[in-house]
Amino acid sequence: MELDILRHSCSHIMAQAVKGLWPETKLGIGPSIEDGFYYDFDKQEPFAPEDLAKIENKMQDIIKENLPFIREDLNKKDA
């Protein structure tokens, strides 16, 4: 698996974790970048340092579910 695809997939897992912990959070974009990945979140209260451990633990739980990742490339017409 390409590193870029892995990073992009990780950003989706992080978004799922954040939505699971704080369902009211709105999602922005979550691309992979040269040194990893990030995600823009719109959340009423800012994240606290202790929230990072909660997010990481939730991500680990999601990964353990071993859900399938399916990537589809579509042309504009089909999308």
Protein backbone atom coordinates (compact mmCIF):
# COMPACT_ATOMS: atom_id res chain seq x y z
CA MET A 1 0.00 0.00 0.00
CA GLU A 2 1.28 3.42 -0.88
CA LEU A 3 2.13 5.68 2.06
CA ASP A 4 -0.17 8.41 0.72
CA ILE A 5 -3.13 6.00 0.65
CA LEU A 6 -2.34 4.80 4.17
CA ARG A 7 -2.19 8.36 5.47
CA HIS A 8 -5.44 9.25 3.74
CA SER A 9 -7.11 6.19 5.26
CA CYS A 10 -5.80 7.19 8.70
CA SER A 11 -7.40 10.60 8.34
CA HIS A 12 -10.76 8.89 7.70
CA ILE A 13 -10.29 6.72 10.79
CA MET A 14 -9.49 9.81 12.84
CA ALA A 15 -12.62 11.56 11.55
CA GLN A 16 -14.72 8.52 12.45
CA ALA A 17 -13.17 8.48 15.93
CA VAL A 18 -13.85 12.17 16.52
CA LYS A 19 -17.45 11.85 15.30
CA GLY A 20 -17.90 8.84 17.58
CA LEU A 21 -16.67 10.79 20.61
CA TRP A 22 -18.22 14.15 19.74
CA PRO A 23 -21.10 13.53 17.28
CA GLU A 24 -21.89 17.23 16.92
CA THR A 25 -18.47 17.92 15.39
CA LYS A 26 -18.54 19.03 11.77
CA LEU A 27 -15.92 17.67 9.40
CA GLY A 28 -13.82 19.74 7.07
CA ILE A 29 -11.13 18.25 4.88
CA GLY A 30 -8.65 15.55 5.80
CA PRO A 31 -5.91 15.08 3.27
CA SER A 32 -2.62 13.30 3.55
CA ILE A 33 0.38 15.62 3.51
CA GLU A 34 4.12 15.16 3.10
CA ASP A 35 4.72 14.39 6.78
CA GLY A 36 1.48 12.63 7.70
CA PHE A 37 -2.15 13.73 7.60
CA TYR A 38 -4.55 16.12 9.26
CA TYR A 39 -8.24 16.83 9.49
CA ASP A 40 -10.11 20.10 9.94
CA PHE A 41 -12.80 19.85 12.60
CA ASP A 42 -15.45 22.37 13.62
CA LYS A 43 -16.20 21.63 17.26
CA GLN A 44 -18.00 23.83 19.79
CA GLU A 45 -15.28 23.48 22.43
CA PRO A 46 -11.61 23.28 21.47
CA PHE A 47 -9.83 19.97 21.84
CA ALA A 48 -7.95 19.61 25.12
CA PRO A 49 -4.60 17.82 25.38
CA GLU A 50 -6.25 14.85 27.12
CA ASP A 51 -8.64 14.49 24.14
CA LEU A 52 -5.74 13.27 22.00
CA ALA A 53 -5.49 10.05 24.03
CA LYS A 54 -9.26 9.55 23.71
CA ILE A 55 -9.05 9.99 19.94
CA GLU A 56 -6.10 7.63 19.67
CA ASN A 57 -7.85 4.96 21.75
CA LYS A 58 -11.01 5.28 19.66
CA MET A 59 -8.94 4.99 16.49
CA GLN A 60 -7.38 1.79 17.81
CA ASP A 61 -10.87 0.40 18.52
CA ILE A 62 -11.96 1.24 14.96
CA ILE A 63 -8.86 -0.39 13.48
CA LYS A 64 -9.49 -3.55 15.53
CA GLU A 65 -12.93 -3.83 13.88
CA ASN A 66 -11.04 -4.61 10.66
CA LEU A 67 -13.65 -2.88 8.50
CA PRO A 68 -13.04 -2.95 4.75
CA PHE A 69 -11.62 0.07 2.97
CA ILE A 70 -12.85 0.32 -0.59
CA ARG A 71 -11.39 2.83 -2.97
CA GLU A 72 -13.20 3.58 -6.19
CA ASP A 73 -11.96 5.84 -8.94
CA LEU A 74 -14.87 7.35 -10.84
CA ASN A 75 -15.05 9.70 -13.76
CA LYS A 76 -17.05 12.92 -13.36
CA LYS A 77 -20.14 11.52 -15.03
CA ASP A 78 -20.33 8.49 -12.74
CA ALA A 79 -19.49 10.46 -9.60
